[in-house]
């Protein structure tokens, strides 16, 4: 019985590590309302758990409607050395954040950013899947 439990634990650990290894890394910033019109959906109200995609994930509008689980992993500046809240948020891509104005991989709504980090940080390191 003990061998079966150990094997099961090993399988669960392997699966967990594989999902972490698949997470992409980048940075996140935030933007504030109004959130419409958006590049993907015009004047459709998509709520507040939304984000704009940078060129890194935009893929010529193919990112529209994709959802990403985003987790803060650390600070990008000394202003707020520990901005992360230890949670993650799922956001839907509804807009485009063009270069060079876009300062992050994903530009989260202020509400989404606030769920995972202190908004005073302005920009954070993230993992997203």
N, C-alpha and C. Protein backbone atom coordinates (compact mmCIF):
# COMPACT_ATOMS: atom_id res chain seq x y z
N UNK A 1 0.82 -1.20 0.00
CA UNK A 1 0.00 0.00 0.00
C UNK A 1 0.86 1.26 0.00
N UNK A 2 1.94 1.26 0.80
CA UNK A 2 2.82 2.42 0.88
C UNK A 2 3.50 2.72 -0.44
N UNK A 3 3.84 1.70 -1.21
CA UNK A 3 4.49 1.88 -2.51
C UNK A 3 3.54 2.56 -3.49
N UNK A 4 2.28 2.17 -3.46
CA UNK A 4 1.27 2.76 -4.34
C UNK A 4 1.10 4.25 -4.03
N UNK A 5 1.04 4.59 -2.77
CA UNK A 5 0.87 5.99 -2.38
C UNK A 5 2.09 6.81 -2.80
N UNK A 6 3.28 6.26 -2.57
CA UNK A 6 4.50 6.97 -3.00
C UNK A 6 4.52 7.18 -4.50
N UNK A 7 4.13 6.18 -5.26
CA UNK A 7 4.08 6.30 -6.72
C UNK A 7 3.08 7.37 -7.14
N UNK A 8 1.94 7.39 -6.49
CA UNK A 8 0.93 8.39 -6.79
C UNK A 8 1.43 9.80 -6.49
N UNK A 9 2.11 9.96 -5.38
CA UNK A 9 2.68 11.26 -5.01
C UNK A 9 3.71 11.69 -6.05
N UNK A 10 4.54 10.79 -6.50
CA UNK A 10 5.56 11.10 -7.51
C UNK A 10 4.91 11.54 -8.82
N UNK A 11 3.84 10.88 -9.23
CA UNK A 11 3.13 11.24 -10.46
C UNK A 11 2.54 12.64 -10.32
N UNK A 12 1.91 12.92 -9.20
CA UNK A 12 1.32 14.25 -8.97
C UNK A 12 2.40 15.32 -8.99
N UNK A 13 3.54 15.06 -8.38
CA UNK A 13 4.63 16.03 -8.38
C UNK A 13 5.16 16.28 -9.79
N UNK A 14 5.26 15.23 -10.58
CA UNK A 14 5.75 15.37 -11.96
C UNK A 14 4.80 16.21 -12.80
N UNK A 15 3.51 15.97 -12.63
CA UNK A 15 2.50 16.75 -13.36
C UNK A 15 2.57 18.21 -12.93
N UNK A 16 2.70 18.47 -11.65
CA UNK A 16 2.79 19.84 -11.15
C UNK A 16 4.00 20.56 -11.72
N UNK A 17 5.13 19.89 -11.75
CA UNK A 17 6.35 20.50 -12.28
C UNK A 17 6.22 20.77 -13.77
N UNK A 18 5.57 19.90 -14.49
CA UNK A 18 5.39 20.10 -15.92
C UNK A 18 4.55 21.33 -16.20
N UNK A 19 3.51 21.58 -15.41
CA UNK A 19 2.67 22.76 -15.63
C UNK A 19 3.43 24.04 -15.31
N UNK A 20 4.29 24.02 -14.30
CA UNK A 20 5.11 25.19 -13.99
C UNK A 20 6.11 25.44 -15.10
N UNK A 21 6.69 24.37 -15.64
CA UNK A 21 7.68 24.51 -16.69
C UNK A 21 7.07 25.08 -17.96
N UNK A 22 5.78 24.90 -18.17
CA UNK A 22 5.12 25.41 -19.36
C UNK A 22 4.73 26.87 -19.25
N UNK A 23 4.86 27.47 -18.10
CA UNK A 23 4.48 28.86 -17.92
C UNK A 23 5.48 29.77 -18.64
N UNK A 24 4.95 30.73 -19.39
CA UNK A 24 5.79 31.73 -20.04
C UNK A 24 6.08 32.83 -19.03
N UNK A 25 7.19 33.50 -19.22
CA UNK A 25 7.55 34.59 -18.33
C UNK A 25 7.53 35.90 -19.09
N UNK A 26 7.19 36.96 -18.37
CA UNK A 26 7.14 38.28 -18.98
C UNK A 26 6.93 39.33 -17.94
N UNK A 27 6.33 40.43 -18.34
CA UNK A 27 6.01 41.51 -17.42
C UNK A 27 4.58 41.96 -17.65
N UNK A 28 4.02 42.57 -16.63
CA UNK A 28 2.65 43.10 -16.74
C UNK A 28 2.62 44.53 -16.23
N UNK A 29 1.79 45.31 -16.87
CA UNK A 29 1.47 46.67 -16.47
C UNK A 29 -0.06 46.69 -16.35
N UNK A 30 -0.64 47.89 -16.14
CA UNK A 30 -2.10 47.96 -16.12
C UNK A 30 -2.59 49.24 -16.78
N UNK A 31 -3.84 49.18 -17.21
CA UNK A 31 -4.50 50.35 -17.76
C UNK A 31 -5.82 50.56 -17.03
N UNK A 32 -6.37 51.75 -17.17
CA UNK A 32 -7.56 52.13 -16.41
C UNK A 32 -8.75 52.38 -17.35
N UNK A 33 -9.96 52.37 -16.79
CA UNK A 33 -11.16 52.61 -17.62
C UNK A 33 -11.10 53.99 -18.29
N UNK A 34 -11.84 54.13 -19.37
CA UNK A 34 -12.82 53.20 -19.93
C UNK A 34 -12.14 52.08 -20.71
N UNK A 35 -12.73 50.88 -20.64
CA UNK A 35 -12.17 49.71 -21.31
C UNK A 35 -12.78 49.47 -22.69
N UNK A 36 -13.73 50.28 -23.07
CA UNK A 36 -14.33 50.20 -24.41
C UNK A 36 -14.17 51.55 -25.09
N UNK A 37 -13.99 51.57 -26.39
CA UNK A 37 -13.98 50.42 -27.28
C UNK A 37 -12.67 49.64 -27.15
N UNK A 38 -12.73 48.37 -27.50
CA UNK A 38 -11.52 47.53 -27.50
C UNK A 38 -11.23 47.10 -28.93
N UNK A 39 -10.00 46.75 -29.17
CA UNK A 39 -9.57 46.34 -30.51
C UNK A 39 -10.25 45.05 -30.96
N UNK A 40 -10.54 44.17 -30.02
CA UNK A 40 -11.14 42.88 -30.37
C UNK A 40 -12.66 42.94 -30.50
N UNK A 41 -13.31 43.66 -29.59
CA UNK A 41 -14.77 43.57 -29.50
C UNK A 41 -15.52 44.89 -29.59
N UNK A 42 -14.85 45.94 -30.03
CA UNK A 42 -15.53 47.22 -30.18
C UNK A 42 -16.12 47.71 -28.87
N UNK A 43 -17.43 47.97 -28.87
CA UNK A 43 -18.10 48.51 -27.68
C UNK A 43 -18.72 47.45 -26.78
N UNK A 44 -18.43 46.19 -27.02
CA UNK A 44 -18.95 45.11 -26.17
C UNK A 44 -18.29 45.21 -24.79
N UNK A 45 -19.11 45.11 -23.76
CA UNK A 45 -18.59 45.14 -22.39
C UNK A 45 -18.13 43.74 -22.02
N UNK A 46 -16.82 43.59 -21.80
CA UNK A 46 -16.25 42.30 -21.45
C UNK A 46 -15.94 42.18 -19.97
N UNK A 47 -16.47 43.07 -19.16
CA UNK A 47 -16.19 43.03 -17.73
C UNK A 47 -14.86 43.68 -17.41
N UNK A 48 -14.29 43.32 -16.27
CA UNK A 48 -13.04 43.96 -15.84
C UNK A 48 -11.86 42.99 -15.70
N UNK A 49 -12.10 41.70 -15.81
CA UNK A 49 -10.98 40.75 -15.77
C UNK A 49 -10.49 40.54 -17.20
N UNK A 50 -9.88 41.61 -17.72
CA UNK A 50 -9.49 41.67 -19.12
C UNK A 50 -8.05 42.17 -19.23
N UNK A 51 -7.52 42.06 -20.45
CA UNK A 51 -6.15 42.51 -20.68
C UNK A 51 -5.96 42.88 -22.15
N UNK A 52 -4.89 43.65 -22.39
CA UNK A 52 -4.46 43.98 -23.74
C UNK A 52 -3.16 43.23 -24.01
N UNK A 53 -3.02 42.69 -25.21
CA UNK A 53 -1.85 41.90 -25.58
C UNK A 53 -0.80 42.78 -26.24
N UNK A 54 0.45 42.55 -25.87
CA UNK A 54 1.57 43.22 -26.54
C UNK A 54 1.89 42.46 -27.82
N UNK A 55 2.83 42.98 -28.58
CA UNK A 55 3.25 42.30 -29.81
C UNK A 55 3.72 40.88 -29.54
N UNK A 56 4.23 40.62 -28.33
CA UNK A 56 4.76 39.29 -27.99
C UNK A 56 3.69 38.20 -28.06
N UNK A 57 2.43 38.55 -27.81
CA UNK A 57 1.36 37.54 -27.84
C UNK A 57 0.18 37.92 -28.73
N UNK A 58 0.19 39.10 -29.34
CA UNK A 58 -0.92 39.59 -30.15
C UNK A 58 -1.21 38.68 -31.34
N UNK A 59 -0.19 38.29 -32.08
CA UNK A 59 -0.32 37.34 -33.20
C UNK A 59 -1.39 37.77 -34.21
N UNK A 60 -1.29 39.04 -34.64
CA UNK A 60 -2.19 39.57 -35.67
C UNK A 60 -3.67 39.32 -35.35
N UNK A 61 -4.06 39.66 -34.14
CA UNK A 61 -5.43 39.54 -33.62
C UNK A 61 -5.83 38.12 -33.21
N UNK A 62 -4.97 37.13 -33.40
CA UNK A 62 -5.31 35.76 -33.00
C UNK A 62 -5.44 35.64 -31.48
N UNK A 63 -4.86 36.58 -30.74
CA UNK A 63 -4.95 36.56 -29.28
C UNK A 63 -6.33 36.95 -28.77
N UNK A 64 -7.13 37.61 -29.59
CA UNK A 64 -8.46 38.05 -29.17
C UNK A 64 -9.26 36.87 -28.63
N UNK A 65 -9.77 37.01 -27.41
CA UNK A 65 -10.59 35.98 -26.79
C UNK A 65 -9.81 34.94 -26.01
N UNK A 66 -8.49 34.88 -26.19
CA UNK A 66 -7.70 33.93 -25.40
C UNK A 66 -7.76 34.30 -23.93
N UNK A 67 -7.69 33.29 -23.09
CA UNK A 67 -7.60 33.56 -21.65
C UNK A 67 -6.23 33.13 -21.16
N UNK A 68 -5.73 33.88 -20.20
CA UNK A 68 -4.43 33.60 -19.59
C UNK A 68 -4.57 33.64 -18.08
N UNK A 69 -3.91 32.68 -17.44
CA UNK A 69 -3.78 32.70 -15.98
C UNK A 69 -2.46 33.42 -15.71
N UNK A 70 -2.53 34.51 -14.96
CA UNK A 70 -1.36 35.36 -14.73
C UNK A 70 -1.04 35.38 -13.23
N UNK A 71 0.24 35.21 -12.92
CA UNK A 71 0.71 35.23 -11.54
C UNK A 71 1.90 36.17 -11.42
N UNK A 72 1.87 37.02 -10.43
CA UNK A 72 2.99 37.92 -10.15
C UNK A 72 4.13 37.08 -9.56
N UNK A 73 5.36 37.30 -10.08
CA UNK A 73 6.52 36.58 -9.57
C UNK A 73 7.57 37.50 -8.94
N UNK A 74 7.41 38.81 -9.10
CA UNK A 74 8.39 39.70 -8.49
C UNK A 74 8.32 41.12 -9.00
N UNK A 75 9.15 41.93 -8.40
CA UNK A 75 9.22 43.36 -8.72
C UNK A 75 10.11 43.61 -9.93
N UNK A 76 9.85 44.70 -10.62
CA UNK A 76 10.72 45.14 -11.71
C UNK A 76 11.46 46.41 -11.33
N UNK A 77 11.13 46.97 -10.17
CA UNK A 77 11.78 48.21 -9.74
C UNK A 77 11.91 48.21 -8.22
N UNK A 78 12.63 49.18 -7.70
CA UNK A 78 12.85 49.26 -6.26
C UNK A 78 11.73 50.00 -5.52
N UNK A 79 10.80 50.61 -6.27
CA UNK A 79 9.74 51.37 -5.64
C UNK A 79 8.86 50.55 -4.72
N UNK A 80 8.49 49.37 -5.16
CA UNK A 80 7.70 48.43 -4.35
C UNK A 80 8.44 47.09 -4.44
N UNK A 81 9.34 46.83 -3.50
CA UNK A 81 10.20 45.65 -3.61
C UNK A 81 9.49 44.30 -3.53
N UNK A 82 8.32 44.25 -2.91
CA UNK A 82 7.56 42.99 -2.81
C UNK A 82 6.10 43.25 -3.18
N UNK A 83 5.81 43.42 -4.47
CA UNK A 83 4.46 43.78 -4.89
C UNK A 83 3.46 42.63 -4.93
N UNK A 84 3.93 41.40 -5.00
CA UNK A 84 3.05 40.25 -5.25
C UNK A 84 2.16 39.91 -4.06
N UNK A 85 0.91 39.52 -4.38
CA UNK A 85 -0.06 39.13 -3.35
C UNK A 85 -0.18 37.62 -3.20
N UNK A 86 0.55 36.84 -4.01
CA UNK A 86 0.52 35.39 -3.88
C UNK A 86 -0.69 34.72 -4.52
N UNK A 87 -1.41 35.46 -5.34
CA UNK A 87 -2.58 34.91 -6.02
C UNK A 87 -2.37 34.96 -7.53
N UNK A 88 -3.33 34.41 -8.26
CA UNK A 88 -3.29 34.56 -9.72
C UNK A 88 -4.65 35.01 -10.18
N UNK A 89 -4.71 35.41 -11.44
CA UNK A 89 -5.96 35.91 -12.00
C UNK A 89 -6.07 35.38 -13.43
N UNK A 90 -7.30 35.11 -13.86
CA UNK A 90 -7.54 34.69 -15.24
C UNK A 90 -8.15 35.89 -15.97
N UNK A 91 -7.50 36.26 -17.07
CA UNK A 91 -7.97 37.40 -17.86
C UNK A 91 -8.22 36.98 -19.30
N UNK A 92 -9.08 37.73 -19.95
CA UNK A 92 -9.41 37.52 -21.36
C UNK A 92 -8.78 38.65 -22.17
N UNK A 93 -8.12 38.31 -23.26
CA UNK A 93 -7.53 39.32 -24.13
C UNK A 93 -8.64 39.96 -24.96
N UNK A 94 -8.79 41.27 -24.79
CA UNK A 94 -9.82 42.01 -25.53
C UNK A 94 -9.25 43.20 -26.28
N UNK A 95 -7.97 43.48 -26.11
CA UNK A 95 -7.41 44.68 -26.71
C UNK A 95 -5.95 44.46 -27.10
N UNK A 96 -5.41 45.45 -27.81
CA UNK A 96 -4.03 45.43 -28.29
C UNK A 96 -3.26 46.56 -27.61
N UNK A 97 -2.06 46.25 -27.18
CA UNK A 97 -1.18 47.22 -26.55
C UNK A 97 0.05 47.37 -27.46
N UNK A 98 0.04 48.36 -28.36
CA UNK A 98 1.09 48.45 -29.38
C UNK A 98 2.42 48.99 -28.85
N UNK A 99 3.48 48.59 -29.53
CA UNK A 99 4.82 49.12 -29.25
C UNK A 99 4.90 50.52 -29.84
N UNK A 100 5.70 51.40 -29.34
CA UNK A 100 6.56 51.27 -28.18
C UNK A 100 5.89 51.68 -26.88
N UNK A 101 4.63 52.09 -26.95
CA UNK A 101 3.94 52.55 -25.74
C UNK A 101 3.71 51.43 -24.74
N UNK A 102 3.54 50.21 -25.23
CA UNK A 102 3.30 49.07 -24.35
C UNK A 102 4.57 48.72 -23.59
N UNK A 103 4.51 48.75 -22.28
CA UNK A 103 5.70 48.51 -21.45
C UNK A 103 5.75 47.10 -20.88
N UNK A 104 4.76 46.25 -21.19
CA UNK A 104 4.74 44.90 -20.64
C UNK A 104 4.30 43.88 -21.66
N UNK A 105 4.41 42.63 -21.32
CA UNK A 105 3.94 41.55 -22.18
C UNK A 105 2.42 41.57 -22.22
N UNK A 106 1.82 41.77 -21.05
CA UNK A 106 0.36 41.86 -20.93
C UNK A 106 0.03 43.12 -20.15
N UNK A 107 -0.91 43.90 -20.69
CA UNK A 107 -1.39 45.10 -20.02
C UNK A 107 -2.74 44.75 -19.40
N UNK A 108 -2.74 44.51 -18.10
CA UNK A 108 -3.94 44.08 -17.39
C UNK A 108 -4.86 45.26 -17.08
N UNK A 109 -6.15 44.98 -16.93
CA UNK A 109 -7.04 46.01 -16.38
C UNK A 109 -6.54 46.30 -14.97
N UNK A 110 -6.83 47.48 -14.46
CA UNK A 110 -6.37 47.82 -13.11
C UNK A 110 -6.94 46.84 -12.09
N UNK A 111 -8.19 46.41 -12.31
CA UNK A 111 -8.82 45.47 -11.38
C UNK A 111 -8.10 44.13 -11.37
N UNK A 112 -7.70 43.63 -12.53
CA UNK A 112 -6.98 42.36 -12.61
C UNK A 112 -5.59 42.48 -11.98
N UNK A 113 -4.88 43.57 -12.29
CA UNK A 113 -3.55 43.80 -11.72
C UNK A 113 -3.64 43.85 -10.20
N UNK A 114 -4.66 44.53 -9.69
CA UNK A 114 -4.82 44.69 -8.24
C UNK A 114 -5.07 43.37 -7.52
N UNK A 115 -5.57 42.37 -8.22
CA UNK A 115 -5.80 41.05 -7.62
C UNK A 115 -4.49 40.33 -7.33
N UNK A 116 -3.45 40.60 -8.15
CA UNK A 116 -2.20 39.86 -8.00
C UNK A 116 -1.04 40.68 -7.46
N UNK A 117 -1.17 42.02 -7.49
CA UNK A 117 -0.05 42.85 -7.06
C UNK A 117 -0.51 44.24 -6.62
N UNK A 118 0.37 44.91 -5.92
CA UNK A 118 0.14 46.29 -5.49
C UNK A 118 0.24 47.20 -6.71
N UNK A 119 -0.84 47.92 -7.05
CA UNK A 119 -0.80 48.81 -8.22
C UNK A 119 0.29 49.88 -8.15
N UNK A 120 0.75 50.22 -6.95
CA UNK A 120 1.82 51.20 -6.84
C UNK A 120 3.11 50.73 -7.52
N UNK A 121 3.24 49.42 -7.74
CA UNK A 121 4.42 48.90 -8.42
C UNK A 121 4.45 49.32 -9.88
N UNK A 122 3.29 49.44 -10.50
CA UNK A 122 3.22 49.88 -11.89
C UNK A 122 3.55 48.81 -12.91
N UNK A 123 4.62 48.08 -12.68
CA UNK A 123 5.06 47.01 -13.59
C UNK A 123 5.65 45.89 -12.75
N UNK A 124 5.29 44.65 -13.09
CA UNK A 124 5.72 43.49 -12.32
C UNK A 124 6.22 42.38 -13.25
N UNK A 125 6.98 41.46 -12.69
CA UNK A 125 7.36 40.24 -13.39
C UNK A 125 6.22 39.24 -13.22
N UNK A 126 5.94 38.48 -14.28
CA UNK A 126 4.83 37.52 -14.25
C UNK A 126 5.20 36.19 -14.88
N UNK A 127 4.38 35.19 -14.55
CA UNK A 127 4.30 33.94 -15.29
C UNK A 127 2.86 33.86 -15.79
N UNK A 128 2.71 33.37 -17.02
CA UNK A 128 1.35 33.26 -17.56
C UNK A 128 1.23 32.00 -18.40
N UNK A 129 0.05 31.40 -18.32
CA UNK A 129 -0.24 30.19 -19.09
C UNK A 129 -1.60 30.33 -19.76
